[in-house]
Amino acid sequence: KLECFDLSSNFISLLPIEISLLVHLRKLYLNRNKLLALPIEFANLLDNVNHIDVTCNPFDMLPRKWNTRWTCIEQKQSPSGYSNEEIFSWIRAQQVIYYAACDEWKSTDKLHLSRELEFSDFVFGDKKKGRTTGVLVRIKKGTVESWNEEKWNKCGMPMLKQFYFHCKSYGIEPRYEKLSDEETKYRTNVAQDAFIRRNRLANEVKMYDYANRADQKEKYMGDFKNKLNRAETHLIKCAAMRKLEKQKEIQLLVDEVDRMHPIQEQRQTDLTRQRTEENTKEFQALKESINEMERTSSASRRTLPIEIHKCW
């Protein structure tokens, strides 16, 4: 019944999953090692062991993060940016999604590697064809009822993205514990095959891109002199058409002016004649009025008697 286990300063990079069987442990020291990660099964020890120290380890297999503080103490104790509590929180969260993600990947790895399915299908399932179950469905069948939407967005989805794209890159799910030589060799071969496959796909994409660019260059730059001559001819034709249209517009304007000029002259003549007639009539009426006034004045004038003056 081992209660205190000190493995500090032993250059340990990975732990075996059997460490989770030490149920009687009360103190565990793993500080000042070269731990890359902790096994998922390590979460079983967190509730029983009173004191666990994993400081001063690189934890390169964990997602990159900023350290909350960057004093000399944090630089020494948490070079990866993870404190003890943050590492334990990551393991607890990883335990929730890891096994469901592994089951989903093992059942659909070929579809994802062949690019028939995407990350959304991996998480939510292939709803159109029903070829996949989805990690969320598998998790809900387990022990994830306590996770709310905020925790999923902050913790669950980034972990699933890291898991998925690791599988896409290396062709196999990530493992955080120490493996046997045979399993290590098998995973190395799978990773090499995935590397070859990625290079082949990358070369196919490059060739397609080169062909597409060559096609576009041929379309836009092929037989450039003839295209330039056709463009210049087209510009000349367009300029001639615009000039002809402008001449037509000018001619239409001139014709309209020629048509309206006699009409305007006739209108001016008629207006002048009308005004002359009106002035003549007014003058005649005024003259008649004056004559009438003179006749009336002459008739009403009294005749005075002639005075006779004596001649001397």
Protein backbone atom coordinates (compact mmCIF):
# COMPACT_ATOMS: atom_id res chain seq x y z
CA LYS A 1 0.00 0.00 0.00
CA LEU A 2 2.16 2.78 -1.35
CA GLU A 3 1.10 6.17 0.03
CA CYS A 4 3.97 8.45 -0.95
CA PHE A 5 5.64 8.17 -4.35
CA ASP A 6 8.48 10.53 -5.31
CA LEU A 7 9.46 10.42 -8.99
CA SER A 8 10.89 13.91 -9.22
CA SER A 9 14.07 14.67 -11.19
CA ASN A 10 14.07 11.42 -13.18
CA PHE A 11 13.88 12.72 -16.80
CA ILE A 12 10.49 11.01 -17.24
CA SER A 13 8.70 12.02 -20.44
CA LEU A 14 5.55 9.83 -20.30
CA LEU A 15 3.82 7.81 -17.59
CA PRO A 16 2.23 4.36 -17.99
CA ILE A 17 -1.53 4.06 -17.51
CA GLU A 18 -0.89 1.64 -14.62
CA ILE A 19 -0.14 4.60 -12.41
CA SER A 20 -3.87 5.07 -12.03
CA LEU A 21 -3.99 1.74 -10.12
CA LEU A 22 -2.16 3.25 -7.14
CA VAL A 23 -5.41 3.96 -5.32
CA HIS A 24 -3.80 4.22 -1.88
CA LEU A 25 -1.49 7.08 -2.81
CA ARG A 26 -1.67 10.23 -0.73
CA LYS A 27 1.31 12.13 -2.11
CA LEU A 28 2.76 12.01 -5.63
CA TYR A 29 5.77 14.02 -6.77
CA LEU A 30 6.38 14.31 -10.52
CA ASN A 31 8.07 17.70 -10.56
CA ARG A 32 11.33 18.53 -12.37
CA ASN A 33 10.90 15.91 -15.08
CA LYS A 34 10.42 16.11 -18.85
CA LEU A 35 6.75 15.16 -18.90
CA LEU A 36 5.10 15.84 -22.25
CA ALA A 37 1.61 14.97 -21.00
CA LEU A 38 -0.25 12.97 -18.38
CA PRO A 39 -2.32 9.86 -19.15
CA ILE A 40 -6.09 10.33 -19.38
CA GLU A 41 -6.42 7.68 -16.65
CA PHE A 42 -4.46 10.02 -14.37
CA ALA A 43 -7.78 11.77 -13.71
CA ASN A 44 -8.78 8.81 -11.51
CA LEU A 45 -6.06 9.79 -9.00
CA LEU A 46 -7.09 13.43 -8.65
CA ASP A 47 -9.96 12.75 -6.24
CA ASN A 48 -7.98 10.38 -3.99
CA VAL A 49 -4.45 11.79 -3.81
CA ASN A 50 -4.13 14.71 -1.43
CA HIS A 51 -1.02 16.25 -2.94
CA ILE A 52 0.26 15.99 -6.51
CA ASP A 53 3.14 18.11 -7.80
CA VAL A 54 3.76 18.27 -11.57
CA THR A 55 5.57 21.61 -11.75
CA CYS A 56 8.74 22.22 -13.77
CA ASN A 57 7.65 20.05 -16.73
CA PRO A 58 7.38 21.16 -20.39
CA PHE A 59 4.03 19.46 -21.28
CA ASP A 60 4.65 19.99 -24.99
CA MET A 61 1.75 17.73 -26.00
CA LEU A 62 -0.79 20.04 -24.33
CA PRO A 63 -2.27 23.00 -26.23
CA ARG A 64 -0.20 26.14 -26.15
CA LYS A 65 -1.32 28.80 -23.70
CA TRP A 66 -0.15 32.02 -22.09
CA ASN A 67 0.97 31.95 -18.52
CA THR A 68 -1.26 33.99 -16.22
CA ARG A 69 1.89 35.51 -14.71
CA TRP A 70 5.47 35.55 -15.95
CA THR A 71 7.60 36.12 -12.93
CA CYS A 72 10.78 34.17 -12.28
CA ILE A 73 8.83 31.65 -10.22
CA GLU A 74 6.32 30.97 -13.03
CA GLN A 75 9.11 30.70 -15.58
CA LYS A 76 10.69 27.98 -13.51
CA GLN A 77 7.64 26.13 -12.18
CA SER A 78 5.31 26.47 -15.20
CA PRO A 79 7.39 26.78 -18.39
CA SER A 80 4.45 25.48 -20.44
CA GLY A 81 2.09 28.07 -18.99
CA TYR A 82 0.11 25.47 -17.01
CA SER A 83 -0.11 25.48 -13.25
CA ASN A 84 -0.96 22.32 -11.31
CA GLU A 85 -4.64 23.20 -11.15
CA GLU A 86 -4.83 24.05 -14.86
CA ILE A 87 -3.22 20.74 -15.84
CA PHE A 88 -5.61 18.78 -13.63
CA SER A 89 -8.58 20.72 -15.05
CA TRP A 90 -7.40 19.91 -18.59
CA ILE A 91 -7.12 16.18 -17.75
CA ARG A 92 -10.63 16.09 -16.24
CA ALA A 93 -12.07 17.80 -19.31
CA GLN A 94 -10.07 15.59 -21.65
CA GLN A 95 -11.37 12.48 -19.86
CA VAL A 96 -14.92 13.51 -20.75
CA ILE A 97 -14.39 13.75 -24.52
CA TYR A 98 -11.35 11.55 -25.20
CA TYR A 99 -12.92 8.09 -25.26
CA ALA A 100 -15.96 9.23 -27.26
CA ALA A 101 -13.66 10.98 -29.75
CA CYS A 102 -11.51 7.84 -30.05
CA ASP A 103 -14.58 5.67 -30.73
CA GLU A 104 -15.85 8.15 -33.33
CA TRP A 105 -12.50 8.35 -35.09
CA LYS A 106 -11.97 4.58 -35.19
CA SER A 107 -15.37 4.10 -36.82
CA THR A 108 -15.03 6.92 -39.39
CA ASP A 109 -11.29 7.46 -39.91
CA LYS A 110 -11.30 6.38 -43.57
CA LEU A 111 -14.11 8.79 -44.43
CA HIS A 112 -12.28 11.68 -42.81
CA LEU A 113 -8.90 10.83 -44.31
CA SER A 114 -10.51 10.63 -47.75
CA ARG A 115 -12.05 14.07 -47.14
CA GLU A 116 -15.61 12.78 -47.46
CA LEU A 117 -16.41 14.11 -43.98
CA GLU A 118 -15.43 17.27 -42.15
CA PHE A 119 -14.94 18.44 -38.58
CA SER A 120 -18.62 19.33 -38.18
CA ASP A 121 -19.56 15.75 -39.12
CA PHE A 122 -17.05 14.47 -36.58
CA VAL A 123 -18.60 16.58 -33.80
CA PHE A 124 -22.32 16.62 -34.64
CA GLY A 125 -22.62 13.57 -36.91
CA ASP A 126 -23.48 13.18 -40.57
CA LYS A 127 -27.14 14.18 -40.43
CA LYS A 128 -27.73 13.94 -44.18
CA LYS A 129 -26.56 10.37 -44.82
CA GLY A 130 -26.29 9.12 -41.25
CA ARG A 131 -22.83 7.60 -41.75
CA THR A 132 -21.50 8.91 -38.42
CA THR A 133 -22.84 9.20 -34.91
CA GLY A 134 -20.95 12.30 -33.78
CA VAL A 135 -18.85 12.87 -30.68
CA LEU A 136 -21.53 14.92 -28.92
CA VAL A 137 -24.08 12.12 -29.25
CA ARG A 138 -21.59 9.60 -27.90
CA ILE A 139 -20.69 11.90 -24.99
CA LYS A 140 -24.32 12.59 -24.04
CA LYS A 141 -24.76 8.88 -23.65
CA GLY A 142 -22.01 9.03 -21.01
CA THR A 143 -21.21 11.53 -18.28
CA VAL A 144 -21.40 15.02 -19.73
CA GLU A 145 -24.76 16.23 -18.52
CA SER A 146 -23.16 18.81 -16.22
CA TRP A 147 -21.40 20.73 -19.04
CA ASN A 148 -23.17 23.89 -20.16
CA GLU A 149 -22.84 25.69 -23.49
CA GLU A 150 -20.22 28.15 -22.23
CA LYS A 151 -17.98 25.36 -21.02
CA TRP A 152 -18.36 23.53 -24.33
CA ASN A 153 -17.35 26.62 -26.31
CA LYS A 154 -14.46 27.45 -24.01
CA CYS A 155 -13.11 23.99 -23.28
CA GLY A 156 -14.81 21.17 -25.20
CA MET A 157 -14.69 22.44 -28.78
CA PRO A 158 -10.98 23.49 -28.71
CA MET A 159 -10.10 20.03 -27.38
CA LEU A 160 -12.12 18.33 -30.11
CA LYS A 161 -10.43 20.51 -32.75
CA GLN A 162 -7.00 19.60 -31.42
CA PHE A 163 -7.93 15.91 -31.32
CA TYR A 164 -9.49 15.91 -34.81
CA PHE A 165 -6.69 17.72 -36.62
CA HIS A 166 -4.07 15.63 -34.85
CA CYS A 167 -5.83 12.55 -36.22
CA LYS A 168 -6.05 14.11 -39.67
CA SER A 169 -2.32 14.92 -39.63
CA TYR A 170 -0.97 11.65 -38.19
CA GLY A 171 -3.75 9.23 -39.18
CA ILE A 172 -4.24 7.98 -35.62
CA GLU A 173 -5.62 9.26 -32.34
CA PRO A 174 -3.23 10.92 -29.85
CA ARG A 175 -1.96 8.93 -26.88
CA TYR A 176 -0.69 10.58 -23.72
CA GLU A 177 0.75 7.57 -21.89
CA LYS A 178 3.91 5.52 -22.32
CA LEU A 179 3.46 2.88 -25.02
CA SER A 180 5.07 -0.46 -25.70
CA ASP A 181 7.73 -0.80 -28.39
CA GLU A 182 5.36 -2.63 -30.75
CA GLU A 183 2.65 -0.01 -30.42
CA THR A 184 5.17 2.79 -30.81
CA LYS A 185 6.46 1.18 -33.99
CA TYR A 186 2.91 0.73 -35.31
CA ARG A 187 2.01 4.36 -34.63
CA THR A 188 5.26 5.48 -36.27
CA ASN A 189 4.38 3.53 -39.42
CA VAL A 190 0.87 4.98 -39.45
CA ALA A 191 2.28 8.48 -39.03
CA GLN A 192 4.72 7.88 -41.92
CA ASP A 193 1.88 6.68 -44.13
CA ALA A 194 -0.11 9.78 -43.17
CA PHE A 195 2.90 11.96 -43.99
CA ILE A 196 3.22 10.33 -47.41
CA ARG A 197 -0.51 10.75 -47.99
CA ARG A 198 -0.40 14.43 -47.01
CA ASN A 199 2.53 15.03 -49.34
CA ARG A 200 0.70 13.28 -52.16
CA LEU A 201 -2.42 15.36 -51.59
CA ALA A 202 -0.31 18.50 -51.31
CA ASN A 203 1.38 17.70 -54.62
CA GLU A 204 -1.99 17.05 -56.24
CA VAL A 205 -3.25 20.41 -54.98
CA LYS A 206 -0.07 22.11 -56.21
CA MET A 207 -0.38 20.50 -59.65
CA TYR A 208 -4.02 21.51 -59.83
CA ASP A 209 -3.10 25.05 -58.82
CA TYR A 210 -0.30 25.19 -61.41
CA ALA A 211 -2.62 23.87 -64.12
CA ASN A 212 -5.32 26.33 -63.12
CA ARG A 213 -2.88 29.24 -63.20
CA ALA A 214 -1.51 28.10 -66.58
CA ASP A 215 -5.06 27.88 -67.94
CA GLN A 216 -5.87 31.35 -66.66
CA LYS A 217 -2.63 32.69 -68.11
CA GLU A 218 -3.46 31.10 -71.46
CA LYS A 219 -6.93 32.58 -71.39
CA TYR A 220 -5.81 36.07 -70.47
CA MET A 221 -2.27 36.26 -71.87
CA GLY A 222 -2.14 33.64 -74.64
CA ASP A 223 -1.69 35.05 -78.19
CA PHE A 224 -1.27 38.46 -76.62
CA LYS A 225 -0.42 40.37 -79.85
CA ASN A 226 -3.56 39.23 -81.66
CA LYS A 227 -5.67 40.02 -78.60
CA LEU A 228 -4.04 43.46 -78.40
CA ASN A 229 -4.72 44.08 -82.10
CA ARG A 230 -8.32 42.98 -81.68
CA ALA A 231 -8.65 45.26 -78.68
CA GLU A 232 -7.21 48.23 -80.59
CA THR A 233 -9.50 47.51 -83.55
CA HIS A 234 -12.43 47.29 -81.18
CA LEU A 235 -11.48 50.63 -79.63
CA ILE A 236 -11.25 52.24 -83.08
CA LYS A 237 -14.67 50.87 -84.04
CA CYS A 238 -16.13 52.08 -80.78
CA ALA A 239 -14.64 55.55 -81.32
CA ALA A 240 -16.03 55.65 -84.88
CA MET A 241 -19.45 54.58 -83.66
CA ARG A 242 -19.42 57.21 -80.93
CA LYS A 243 -18.37 59.85 -83.49
CA LEU A 244 -21.16 58.78 -85.86
CA GLU A 245 -23.70 58.86 -83.06
CA LYS A 246 -22.52 62.32 -82.08
CA GLN A 247 -22.83 63.53 -85.70
CA LYS A 248 -26.33 62.10 -85.84
CA GLU A 249 -27.24 63.93 -82.67
CA ILE A 250 -25.82 67.20 -84.07
CA GLN A 251 -27.70 66.72 -87.35
CA LEU A 252 -30.92 66.04 -85.48
CA LEU A 253 -30.39 69.23 -83.50
CA VAL A 254 -29.70 71.24 -86.68
CA ASP A 255 -32.82 69.82 -88.35
CA GLU A 256 -34.86 70.70 -85.31
CA VAL A 257 -33.49 74.25 -85.37
CA ASP A 258 -34.26 74.55 -89.10
CA ARG A 259 -37.76 73.30 -88.51
CA MET A 260 -38.44 75.60 -85.59
CA HIS A 261 -36.92 78.77 -87.17
CA PRO A 262 -39.71 79.48 -89.75
CA ILE A 263 -42.30 78.70 -87.12
CA GLN A 264 -40.72 81.19 -84.75
CA GLU A 265 -40.50 83.84 -87.52
CA GLN A 266 -44.15 83.29 -88.46
CA ARG A 267 -45.12 83.54 -84.79
CA GLN A 268 -43.13 86.79 -84.49
CA THR A 269 -44.73 88.20 -87.64
CA ASP A 270 -48.24 87.29 -86.49
CA LEU A 271 -47.56 88.80 -83.09
CA THR A 272 -46.21 92.02 -84.64
CA ARG A 273 -49.24 92.30 -86.97
CA GLN A 274 -51.61 91.62 -84.12
CA ARG A 275 -49.99 94.26 -81.96
CA THR A 276 -50.04 96.77 -84.88
CA GLU A 277 -53.74 96.14 -85.47
CA GLU A 278 -54.46 96.53 -81.78
CA ASN A 279 -52.49 99.80 -81.66
CA THR A 280 -54.27 101.06 -84.75
CA LYS A 281 -57.64 100.27 -83.28
CA GLU A 282 -56.72 101.93 -80.00
CA PHE A 283 -55.43 105.01 -81.87
CA GLN A 284 -58.61 105.19 -83.97
CA ALA A 285 -60.79 104.82 -80.92
CA LEU A 286 -58.82 107.55 -79.14
CA LYS A 287 -59.10 109.85 -82.16
CA GLU A 288 -62.82 109.31 -82.39
CA SER A 289 -63.12 109.97 -78.68
CA ILE A 290 -61.24 113.26 -79.04
CA ASN A 291 -63.41 114.35 -82.00
CA GLU A 292 -66.54 113.50 -80.08
CA MET A 293 -65.32 115.58 -77.16
CA GLU A 294 -64.56 118.52 -79.46
CA ARG A 295 -68.05 118.38 -81.08
CA THR A 296 -69.67 118.26 -77.73
CA SER A 297 -67.66 121.27 -76.52
CA SER A 298 -68.50 123.35 -79.64
CA ALA A 299 -72.25 122.75 -79.35
CA SER A 300 -72.39 123.78 -75.74
CA ARG A 301 -70.38 127.03 -76.19
CA ARG A 302 -72.53 130.30 -75.81
CA THR A 303 -72.44 133.09 -78.48
CA LEU A 304 -71.63 136.50 -76.87
CA PRO A 305 -73.14 139.84 -78.30
CA ILE A 306 -70.88 142.03 -80.28
CA GLU A 307 -70.15 145.31 -78.46
CA ILE A 308 -70.12 148.43 -80.55
CA HIS A 309 -67.58 150.96 -79.65
CA LYS A 310 -67.96 154.58 -80.78
CA CYS A 311 -65.40 155.89 -83.11
CA TRP A 312 -63.79 159.10 -82.08
